[in-house]
Amino acid sequence: MRDWLRRHATLVAIAGFLGVASGTPGAMAATNDYPTVARVDYVVACMAVNGKDYLVMQKCSCSLDYIAERIPYETYERIETIMRMREGRGELALMFRTSRALEDEVQSFRRAQVEADLQCF
């Protein structure tokens, strides 16, 4: 019986660490649907702007976690594509810079970033 309790306690601790025991069934999937590469890319870019020390890395990770809780990865990926396309030249880039619908999506993401910065920095 003790072994079962010990294993159960260990599994509960691991689940809590991983975010499984958050109370809502889809919480872990919603928060952790960002691929590792996307997470690293965001944190590296954040650190390039804010500094390259351990504390900044923690703050940048917190920022992305905050965003990931509010914006599904599919939406994040779409917004990232819009922002990258805006950097180009020509008619296609102009379309991405002038579309009101696309601008609304980007502004929504930027608001989430500001909220994340207020929470984490």
C-alpha atoms as a PDB file:
ATOM      1  CA  MET A   1       0.000   0.000   0.000  1.00  0.00           C
ATOM      2  CA  ARG A   2       2.826   2.407   0.807  1.00  0.00           C
ATOM      3  CA  ASP A   3       4.409   1.847  -2.588  1.00  0.00           C
ATOM      4  CA  TRP A   4       1.113   2.680  -4.275  1.00  0.00           C
ATOM      5  CA  LEU A   5       0.784   5.889  -2.224  1.00  0.00           C
ATOM      6  CA  ARG A   6       4.381   6.852  -2.958  1.00  0.00           C
ATOM      7  CA  ARG A   7       3.898   6.244  -6.701  1.00  0.00           C
ATOM      8  CA  HIS A   8       0.607   8.141  -6.658  1.00  0.00           C
ATOM      9  CA  ALA A   9       2.200  11.087  -4.818  1.00  0.00           C
ATOM     10  CA  THR A  10       5.072  11.091  -7.299  1.00  0.00           C
ATOM     11  CA  LEU A  11       2.695  11.045 -10.267  1.00  0.00           C
ATOM     12  CA  VAL A  12       0.634  13.874  -8.769  1.00  0.00           C
ATOM     13  CA  ALA A  13       3.787  15.918  -8.213  1.00  0.00           C
ATOM     14  CA  ILE A  14       4.947  15.305 -11.790  1.00  0.00           C
ATOM     15  CA  ALA A  15       1.503  16.100 -13.174  1.00  0.00           C
ATOM     16  CA  GLY A  16       1.433  19.343 -11.196  1.00  0.00           C
ATOM     17  CA  PHE A  17       4.877  20.252 -12.482  1.00  0.00           C
ATOM     18  CA  LEU A  18       3.804  19.588 -16.053  1.00  0.00           C
ATOM     19  CA  GLY A  19       0.574  21.503 -15.622  1.00  0.00           C
ATOM     20  CA  VAL A  20      -1.728  18.521 -15.970  1.00  0.00           C
ATOM     21  CA  ALA A  21      -3.416  19.020 -12.616  1.00  0.00           C
ATOM     22  CA  SER A  22      -4.584  22.523 -13.421  1.00  0.00           C
ATOM     23  CA  GLY A  23      -8.267  21.831 -12.943  1.00  0.00           C
ATOM     24  CA  THR A  24      -9.293  22.187 -16.568  1.00  0.00           C
ATOM     25  CA  PRO A  25      -8.812  19.265 -18.953  1.00  0.00           C
ATOM     26  CA  GLY A  26      -7.586  21.300 -21.911  1.00  0.00           C
ATOM     27  CA  ALA A  27      -5.344  23.669 -19.984  1.00  0.00           C
ATOM     28  CA  MET A  28      -2.122  21.796 -20.628  1.00  0.00           C
ATOM     29  CA  ALA A  29      -2.831  21.348 -24.325  1.00  0.00           C
ATOM     30  CA  ALA A  30      -3.774  24.999 -24.726  1.00  0.00           C
ATOM     31  CA  THR A  31      -0.681  26.256 -22.911  1.00  0.00           C
ATOM     32  CA  ASN A  32       1.792  23.776 -24.300  1.00  0.00           C
ATOM     33  CA  ASP A  33       0.770  23.591 -27.946  1.00  0.00           C
ATOM     34  CA  TYR A  34       3.653  25.876 -28.940  1.00  0.00           C
ATOM     35  CA  PRO A  35       6.502  23.805 -30.422  1.00  0.00           C
ATOM     36  CA  THR A  36       9.881  24.055 -28.734  1.00  0.00           C
ATOM     37  CA  VAL A  37      11.404  25.789 -31.772  1.00  0.00           C
ATOM     38  CA  ALA A  38       8.778  28.551 -31.617  1.00  0.00           C
ATOM     39  CA  ARG A  39       9.350  28.986 -27.887  1.00  0.00           C
ATOM     40  CA  VAL A  40      13.124  29.196 -28.297  1.00  0.00           C
ATOM     41  CA  ASP A  41      12.783  31.619 -31.222  1.00  0.00           C
ATOM     42  CA  TYR A  42      10.557  33.929 -29.156  1.00  0.00           C
ATOM     43  CA  VAL A  43      12.815  33.824 -26.089  1.00  0.00           C
ATOM     44  CA  VAL A  44      15.992  34.415 -28.121  1.00  0.00           C
ATOM     45  CA  ALA A  45      14.414  37.407 -29.899  1.00  0.00           C
ATOM     46  CA  CYS A  46      13.133  38.752 -26.570  1.00  0.00           C
ATOM     47  CA  MET A  47      16.593  38.398 -25.031  1.00  0.00           C
ATOM     48  CA  ALA A  48      18.190  40.172 -27.999  1.00  0.00           C
ATOM     49  CA  VAL A  49      16.041  43.212 -27.162  1.00  0.00           C
ATOM     50  CA  ASN A  50      16.082  43.050 -23.360  1.00  0.00           C
ATOM     51  CA  GLY A  51      19.484  41.629 -22.434  1.00  0.00           C
ATOM     52  CA  LYS A  52      21.248  38.325 -22.429  1.00  0.00           C
ATOM     53  CA  ASP A  53      21.346  37.174 -18.837  1.00  0.00           C
ATOM     54  CA  TYR A  54      19.587  34.457 -16.909  1.00  0.00           C
ATOM     55  CA  LEU A  55      17.016  36.767 -15.315  1.00  0.00           C
ATOM     56  CA  VAL A  56      15.986  38.147 -18.724  1.00  0.00           C
ATOM     57  CA  MET A  57      15.670  34.597 -20.066  1.00  0.00           C
ATOM     58  CA  GLN A  58      13.263  33.804 -17.224  1.00  0.00           C
ATOM     59  CA  LYS A  59      11.249  36.952 -17.899  1.00  0.00           C
ATOM     60  CA  CYS A  60      11.100  36.256 -21.636  1.00  0.00           C
ATOM     61  CA  SER A  61       9.978  32.669 -20.960  1.00  0.00           C
ATOM     62  CA  CYS A  62       7.312  33.990 -18.606  1.00  0.00           C
ATOM     63  CA  SER A  63       6.180  36.390 -21.312  1.00  0.00           C
ATOM     64  CA  LEU A  64       5.741  33.610 -23.850  1.00  0.00           C
ATOM     65  CA  ASP A  65       3.965  31.412 -21.321  1.00  0.00           C
ATOM     66  CA  TYR A  66       1.550  34.284 -20.664  1.00  0.00           C
ATOM     67  CA  ILE A  67       0.926  34.714 -24.399  1.00  0.00           C
ATOM     68  CA  ALA A  68       0.562  30.958 -24.942  1.00  0.00           C
ATOM     69  CA  GLU A  69      -2.168  30.837 -22.308  1.00  0.00           C
ATOM     70  CA  ARG A  70      -4.174  33.420 -24.248  1.00  0.00           C
ATOM     71  CA  ILE A  71      -3.365  32.864 -27.910  1.00  0.00           C
ATOM     72  CA  PRO A  72      -3.457  29.413 -29.539  1.00  0.00           C
ATOM     73  CA  TYR A  73      -0.333  28.478 -31.463  1.00  0.00           C
ATOM     74  CA  GLU A  74      -2.206  28.450 -34.772  1.00  0.00           C
ATOM     75  CA  THR A  75      -3.122  32.123 -34.281  1.00  0.00           C
ATOM     76  CA  TYR A  76       0.396  32.982 -33.078  1.00  0.00           C
ATOM     77  CA  GLU A  77       1.858  31.352 -36.181  1.00  0.00           C
ATOM     78  CA  ARG A  78      -0.504  33.306 -38.446  1.00  0.00           C
ATOM     79  CA  ILE A  79       0.398  36.603 -36.747  1.00  0.00           C
ATOM     80  CA  GLU A  80       4.109  35.818 -36.947  1.00  0.00           C
ATOM     81  CA  THR A  81       3.704  35.166 -40.673  1.00  0.00           C
ATOM     82  CA  ILE A  82       1.863  38.472 -41.135  1.00  0.00           C
ATOM     83  CA  MET A  83       4.631  40.371 -39.343  1.00  0.00           C
ATOM     84  CA  ARG A  84       7.359  38.668 -41.378  1.00  0.00           C
ATOM     85  CA  MET A  85       5.521  39.319 -44.637  1.00  0.00           C
ATOM     86  CA  ARG A  86       5.252  43.011 -43.755  1.00  0.00           C
ATOM     87  CA  GLU A  87       9.037  43.261 -43.731  1.00  0.00           C
ATOM     88  CA  GLY A  88       9.298  42.390 -47.429  1.00  0.00           C
ATOM     89  CA  ARG A  89       9.098  44.545 -50.517  1.00  0.00           C
ATOM     90  CA  GLY A  90       6.606  44.760 -53.315  1.00  0.00           C
ATOM     91  CA  GLU A  91       2.851  44.535 -53.658  1.00  0.00           C
ATOM     92  CA  LEU A  92       2.470  41.454 -51.505  1.00  0.00           C
ATOM     93  CA  ALA A  93       4.245  43.085 -48.556  1.00  0.00           C
ATOM     94  CA  LEU A  94       2.202  46.236 -49.107  1.00  0.00           C
ATOM     95  CA  MET A  95      -0.978  44.177 -48.922  1.00  0.00           C
ATOM     96  CA  PHE A  96       0.132  42.715 -45.583  1.00  0.00           C
ATOM     97  CA  ARG A  97       0.965  46.210 -44.270  1.00  0.00           C
ATOM     98  CA  THR A  98      -2.299  47.863 -45.336  1.00  0.00           C
ATOM     99  CA  SER A  99      -4.958  45.216 -44.653  1.00  0.00           C
ATOM    100  CA  ARG A 100      -7.202  46.362 -41.790  1.00  0.00           C
ATOM    101  CA  ALA A 101      -8.146  42.795 -40.813  1.00  0.00           C
ATOM    102  CA  LEU A 102      -4.497  41.779 -40.587  1.00  0.00           C
ATOM    103  CA  GLU A 103      -3.701  44.927 -38.605  1.00  0.00           C
ATOM    104  CA  ASP A 104      -6.388  44.020 -36.071  1.00  0.00           C
ATOM    105  CA  GLU A 105      -4.798  40.595 -35.548  1.00  0.00           C
ATOM    106  CA  VAL A 106      -1.334  42.098 -35.097  1.00  0.00           C
ATOM    107  CA  GLN A 107      -2.655  44.687 -32.636  1.00  0.00           C
ATOM    108  CA  SER A 108      -4.391  41.954 -30.656  1.00  0.00           C
ATOM    109  CA  PHE A 109      -1.079  40.119 -30.371  1.00  0.00           C
ATOM    110  CA  ARG A 110       0.774  43.296 -29.406  1.00  0.00           C
ATOM    111  CA  ARG A 111      -1.741  43.927 -26.623  1.00  0.00           C
ATOM    112  CA  ALA A 112      -1.072  40.403 -25.340  1.00  0.00           C
ATOM    113  CA  GLN A 113       2.674  41.147 -25.447  1.00  0.00           C
ATOM    114  CA  VAL A 114       2.203  44.344 -23.438  1.00  0.00           C
ATOM    115  CA  GLU A 115       0.109  42.487 -20.867  1.00  0.00           C
ATOM    116  CA  ALA A 116       2.798  39.777 -20.713  1.00  0.00           C
ATOM    117  CA  ASP A 117       5.507  42.397 -20.198  1.00  0.00           C
ATOM    118  CA  LEU A 118       3.514  43.992 -17.384  1.00  0.00           C
ATOM    119  CA  GLN A 119       3.085  40.567 -15.795  1.00  0.00           C
ATOM    120  CA  CYS A 120       6.646  39.304 -16.224  1.00  0.00           C
ATOM    121  CA  PHE A 121       9.059  42.245 -16.406  1.00  0.00           C
END
